[in-house]
N, C-alpha and C. Protein backbone atom coordinates (compact mmCIF):
# COMPACT_ATOMS: atom_id res chain seq x y z
N MET A 1 -19.83 -8.65 -1.19
CA MET A 1 -18.93 -7.77 -2.05
C MET A 1 -17.90 -8.65 -2.66
N GLY A 2 -17.78 -8.65 -3.97
CA GLY A 2 -16.84 -9.47 -4.71
C GLY A 2 -15.41 -8.90 -4.75
N LYS A 3 -14.56 -9.70 -5.26
CA LYS A 3 -13.14 -9.30 -5.44
C LYS A 3 -12.98 -8.17 -6.40
N LYS A 4 -13.80 -8.24 -7.53
CA LYS A 4 -13.66 -7.19 -8.49
C LYS A 4 -14.08 -5.80 -7.95
N ILE A 5 -15.13 -5.81 -7.17
CA ILE A 5 -15.54 -4.55 -6.52
C ILE A 5 -14.42 -4.00 -5.59
N CYS A 6 -13.73 -4.93 -4.93
CA CYS A 6 -12.63 -4.49 -4.04
C CYS A 6 -11.53 -3.90 -4.91
N TRP A 7 -11.21 -4.53 -6.01
CA TRP A 7 -10.18 -4.00 -6.85
C TRP A 7 -10.48 -2.61 -7.42
N VAL A 8 -11.76 -2.43 -7.86
CA VAL A 8 -12.21 -1.12 -8.29
C VAL A 8 -12.08 -0.08 -7.22
N ALA A 9 -12.52 -0.38 -6.00
CA ALA A 9 -12.40 0.55 -4.90
C ALA A 9 -10.94 0.85 -4.61
N ILE A 10 -10.10 -0.15 -4.65
CA ILE A 10 -8.59 0.08 -4.40
C ILE A 10 -8.04 0.98 -5.44
N LEU A 11 -8.34 0.70 -6.69
CA LEU A 11 -7.79 1.52 -7.76
C LEU A 11 -8.32 2.99 -7.76
N CYS A 12 -9.62 3.12 -7.44
CA CYS A 12 -10.14 4.49 -7.35
C CYS A 12 -9.61 5.23 -6.20
N SER A 13 -9.37 4.59 -5.09
CA SER A 13 -8.83 5.32 -3.95
C SER A 13 -7.31 5.64 -4.13
N ILE A 14 -6.57 4.77 -4.82
CA ILE A 14 -5.22 5.15 -5.23
C ILE A 14 -5.18 6.23 -6.21
N PHE A 15 -6.06 6.25 -7.19
CA PHE A 15 -6.15 7.37 -8.11
C PHE A 15 -6.45 8.70 -7.40
N LEU A 16 -7.38 8.63 -6.49
CA LEU A 16 -7.68 9.87 -5.66
C LEU A 16 -6.48 10.24 -4.86
N ASN A 17 -5.74 9.30 -4.32
CA ASN A 17 -4.50 9.65 -3.62
C ASN A 17 -3.52 10.35 -4.45
N VAL A 18 -3.32 9.89 -5.69
CA VAL A 18 -2.34 10.51 -6.64
C VAL A 18 -2.76 11.89 -6.93
N VAL A 19 -4.02 12.09 -7.20
CA VAL A 19 -4.51 13.44 -7.53
C VAL A 19 -4.33 14.41 -6.32
N MET A 20 -4.62 13.93 -5.17
CA MET A 20 -4.45 14.75 -3.99
C MET A 20 -3.02 15.11 -3.67
N LEU A 21 -2.14 14.17 -4.01
CA LEU A 21 -0.71 14.45 -3.85
C LEU A 21 -0.29 15.55 -4.86
N GLN A 22 -0.79 15.49 -6.06
CA GLN A 22 -0.44 16.54 -7.01
C GLN A 22 -0.99 17.91 -6.58
N TRP A 23 -2.22 17.86 -6.13
CA TRP A 23 -2.85 19.13 -5.70
C TRP A 23 -2.09 19.71 -4.48
N THR A 24 -1.71 18.78 -3.59
CA THR A 24 -0.97 19.25 -2.38
C THR A 24 0.28 19.96 -2.81
N ILE A 25 1.01 19.38 -3.74
CA ILE A 25 2.35 19.94 -4.17
C ILE A 25 2.06 21.31 -4.83
N GLU A 26 1.05 21.35 -5.67
CA GLU A 26 0.71 22.61 -6.36
C GLU A 26 0.27 23.64 -5.33
N ALA A 27 -0.47 23.31 -4.30
CA ALA A 27 -0.93 24.29 -3.31
C ALA A 27 0.26 24.76 -2.48
N PHE A 28 1.20 23.83 -2.20
CA PHE A 28 2.37 24.22 -1.39
C PHE A 28 3.32 25.21 -2.21
N PHE A 29 3.54 24.91 -3.42
CA PHE A 29 4.40 25.83 -4.23
C PHE A 29 3.67 27.12 -4.54
N GLY A 30 2.29 27.01 -4.58
CA GLY A 30 1.49 28.24 -4.90
C GLY A 30 1.22 29.05 -3.63
N LYS A 31 1.77 28.60 -2.49
CA LYS A 31 1.62 29.23 -1.23
C LYS A 31 0.15 29.35 -0.78
N GLU A 32 -0.59 28.35 -1.15
CA GLU A 32 -1.96 28.25 -0.62
C GLU A 32 -2.03 27.23 0.47
N PHE A 33 -1.46 27.64 1.64
CA PHE A 33 -1.20 26.66 2.70
C PHE A 33 -2.47 26.12 3.36
N GLU A 34 -3.58 26.87 3.28
CA GLU A 34 -4.84 26.35 3.86
C GLU A 34 -5.30 25.18 3.07
N HIS A 35 -4.95 25.03 1.81
CA HIS A 35 -5.40 23.85 1.04
C HIS A 35 -4.53 22.63 1.23
N VAL A 36 -3.26 22.84 1.58
CA VAL A 36 -2.30 21.80 1.77
C VAL A 36 -2.78 20.78 2.82
N TYR A 37 -3.32 21.28 3.93
CA TYR A 37 -3.77 20.39 5.01
C TYR A 37 -5.01 19.59 4.59
N MET A 38 -5.90 20.28 3.93
CA MET A 38 -7.14 19.63 3.45
C MET A 38 -6.78 18.46 2.44
N TYR A 39 -5.96 18.80 1.47
CA TYR A 39 -5.57 17.79 0.48
C TYR A 39 -4.82 16.61 1.10
N THR A 40 -3.93 16.93 2.05
CA THR A 40 -3.19 15.93 2.71
C THR A 40 -4.08 14.96 3.50
N ILE A 41 -5.08 15.51 4.19
CA ILE A 41 -6.03 14.72 4.96
C ILE A 41 -6.82 13.81 4.08
N ILE A 42 -7.27 14.35 2.94
CA ILE A 42 -8.05 13.52 2.00
C ILE A 42 -7.13 12.39 1.41
N ALA A 43 -5.89 12.69 1.16
CA ALA A 43 -4.97 11.64 0.64
C ALA A 43 -4.68 10.61 1.69
N ILE A 44 -4.54 10.95 2.97
CA ILE A 44 -4.35 9.97 3.98
C ILE A 44 -5.58 9.10 4.13
N ALA A 45 -6.75 9.74 4.07
CA ALA A 45 -8.05 8.98 4.17
C ALA A 45 -8.19 7.94 3.02
N SER A 46 -7.82 8.42 1.82
CA SER A 46 -7.93 7.55 0.64
C SER A 46 -6.94 6.35 0.76
N SER A 47 -5.79 6.63 1.32
CA SER A 47 -4.77 5.55 1.54
C SER A 47 -5.38 4.53 2.56
N PHE A 48 -5.98 5.02 3.62
CA PHE A 48 -6.60 4.14 4.63
C PHE A 48 -7.75 3.28 4.01
N ILE A 49 -8.54 3.86 3.17
CA ILE A 49 -9.62 3.22 2.48
C ILE A 49 -9.07 2.14 1.54
N ALA A 50 -7.94 2.44 0.83
CA ALA A 50 -7.38 1.42 -0.03
C ALA A 50 -6.82 0.26 0.80
N LEU A 51 -6.25 0.55 1.93
CA LEU A 51 -5.77 -0.46 2.87
C LEU A 51 -6.89 -1.33 3.36
N LEU A 52 -8.00 -0.74 3.69
CA LEU A 52 -9.13 -1.53 4.20
C LEU A 52 -9.70 -2.45 3.10
N PHE A 53 -9.81 -1.94 1.92
CA PHE A 53 -10.32 -2.78 0.79
C PHE A 53 -9.27 -3.87 0.45
N TYR A 54 -8.04 -3.57 0.57
CA TYR A 54 -6.98 -4.56 0.36
C TYR A 54 -7.17 -5.75 1.33
N GLY A 55 -7.38 -5.38 2.62
CA GLY A 55 -7.59 -6.41 3.55
C GLY A 55 -8.84 -7.24 3.31
N LYS A 56 -9.95 -6.50 2.83
CA LYS A 56 -11.14 -7.26 2.53
C LYS A 56 -10.90 -8.20 1.31
N TRP A 57 -10.14 -7.70 0.31
CA TRP A 57 -9.82 -8.55 -0.88
C TRP A 57 -9.00 -9.76 -0.43
N ARG A 58 -8.01 -9.58 0.41
CA ARG A 58 -7.21 -10.71 0.90
C ARG A 58 -8.07 -11.74 1.58
N LYS A 59 -8.97 -11.25 2.40
CA LYS A 59 -9.86 -12.18 3.16
C LYS A 59 -10.70 -12.95 2.17
N LEU A 60 -11.28 -12.27 1.13
CA LEU A 60 -12.09 -13.01 0.19
C LEU A 60 -11.27 -14.00 -0.60
N ASP A 61 -10.06 -13.60 -0.97
CA ASP A 61 -9.20 -14.48 -1.71
C ASP A 61 -8.80 -15.72 -0.95
N LYS A 62 -8.58 -15.48 0.33
CA LYS A 62 -8.13 -16.61 1.25
C LYS A 62 -9.30 -17.59 1.43
N HIS A 63 -10.58 -17.06 1.60
CA HIS A 63 -11.67 -17.98 1.77
C HIS A 63 -12.02 -18.71 0.43
N GLU A 64 -11.71 -18.08 -0.65
CA GLU A 64 -11.98 -18.71 -1.98
C GLU A 64 -11.01 -19.92 -2.24
N ARG A 65 -9.81 -19.80 -1.77
CA ARG A 65 -8.81 -20.83 -1.97
C ARG A 65 -9.03 -21.98 -1.00
N ALA A 66 -9.64 -21.73 0.12
CA ALA A 66 -9.84 -22.75 1.10
C ALA A 66 -10.94 -23.73 0.79
């Protein structure tokens, strides 16, 4: 897996995180509390995925420079 694929995965997961944050806020103010937890869990999962791909990218970058 190349560095470009890692960047695409990071950007997609951050985009998903921003969308889930917006939907969470809309659900909270719309008093749809059953959706708040689901959207929050998806946002946390996408943040974790972005963190994993960031670590993978750093590892690839470090090996490329060595």
